[in-house]
Each structure stands twice: as C-alpha cells, then as structure tokens.
Amino acid sequence: MYASENGHADVVNKLLAKGANVNLQDKGWQNSTNNSITIAAYRVIGSFLITVQMLI
C-alpha cells in the first residue's frame, strides 16, 4: 500500500505479480482494496511513462 501511495508503480506491479495480499490493513484500517483505484491509476501511469521513455 505504501508503494501505491508514494507513486512506485514498478514496485506495485512487482508485488501484485508475486501475489501480494491486497486485503491487509494498516494501523488506520485502510487496505489496498480501498485504494484499488489508486493502484490501477499508478499501473496506467507507470506503463505510460515506460512507453514515453522508450520513444525518447
């Protein structure tokens, strides 16, 4: 969850690929299911940035 909150799309993608439990909660009772839109957005942004880097 910290990776997604801090914009580390590459880390989020690796964690998800390795089967990270998206239902774990932090001390504030937040879980990554609550942040699923954020995670998806970082995946899209990360893919976009990789594509842009490849074009440069």
Protein backbone atom coordinates (compact mmCIF):
# COMPACT_ATOMS: atom_id res chain seq x y z
CA MET A 1 0.00 0.00 0.00
CA TYR A 2 2.84 2.38 0.74
CA ALA A 3 4.27 1.77 -2.71
CA SER A 4 0.99 2.74 -4.36
CA GLU A 5 0.53 5.78 -2.13
CA ASN A 6 4.01 7.02 -2.99
CA GLY A 7 3.81 6.50 -6.72
CA HIS A 8 6.10 3.48 -7.06
CA ALA A 9 4.18 1.80 -9.89
CA ASP A 10 7.05 -0.57 -10.64
CA VAL A 11 7.06 -1.83 -7.05
CA VAL A 12 3.25 -2.15 -7.03
CA ASN A 13 3.35 -4.17 -10.25
CA LYS A 14 6.05 -6.48 -8.87
CA LEU A 15 4.18 -7.01 -5.60
CA LEU A 16 0.93 -7.78 -7.39
CA ALA A 17 2.70 -10.14 -9.78
CA LYS A 18 4.14 -12.01 -6.78
CA GLY A 19 0.67 -12.38 -5.23
CA ALA A 20 0.70 -9.60 -2.64
CA ASN A 21 -2.31 -9.73 -0.33
CA VAL A 22 -4.34 -6.64 -1.21
CA ASN A 23 -6.63 -7.16 1.80
CA LEU A 24 -4.06 -6.49 4.53
CA GLN A 25 -4.88 -3.44 6.64
CA ASP A 26 -2.63 -0.76 8.05
CA LYS A 27 -3.00 0.81 11.50
CA GLY A 28 -5.64 3.19 10.14
CA TRP A 29 -7.77 0.22 8.99
CA GLN A 30 -7.09 1.11 5.38
CA ASN A 31 -6.39 -1.63 2.89
CA SER A 32 -5.32 -1.64 -0.69
CA THR A 33 -8.83 -2.63 -1.75
CA ASN A 34 -9.84 0.84 -0.57
CA ASN A 35 -7.05 2.17 -2.75
CA SER A 36 -7.74 -0.03 -5.78
CA ILE A 37 -8.42 2.95 -7.99
CA THR A 38 -5.12 4.48 -6.91
CA ILE A 39 -3.26 1.25 -7.65
CA ALA A 40 -4.87 0.96 -11.08
CA ALA A 41 -4.04 4.58 -11.83
CA TYR A 42 -0.39 4.06 -10.90
CA ARG A 43 -0.26 1.00 -13.15
CA VAL A 44 -1.55 3.04 -16.07
CA ILE A 45 0.76 5.95 -15.32
CA GLY A 46 3.72 3.59 -14.91
CA SER A 47 3.00 1.91 -18.23
CA PHE A 48 2.63 5.29 -19.88
CA LEU A 49 5.96 6.53 -18.51
CA ILE A 50 7.71 3.39 -19.69
CA THR A 51 6.23 3.86 -23.15
CA VAL A 52 7.31 7.51 -23.24
CA GLN A 53 10.83 6.59 -22.16
CA MET A 54 11.02 4.04 -24.97
CA LEU A 55 10.00 6.68 -27.50
CA ILE A 56 12.64 9.18 -26.40
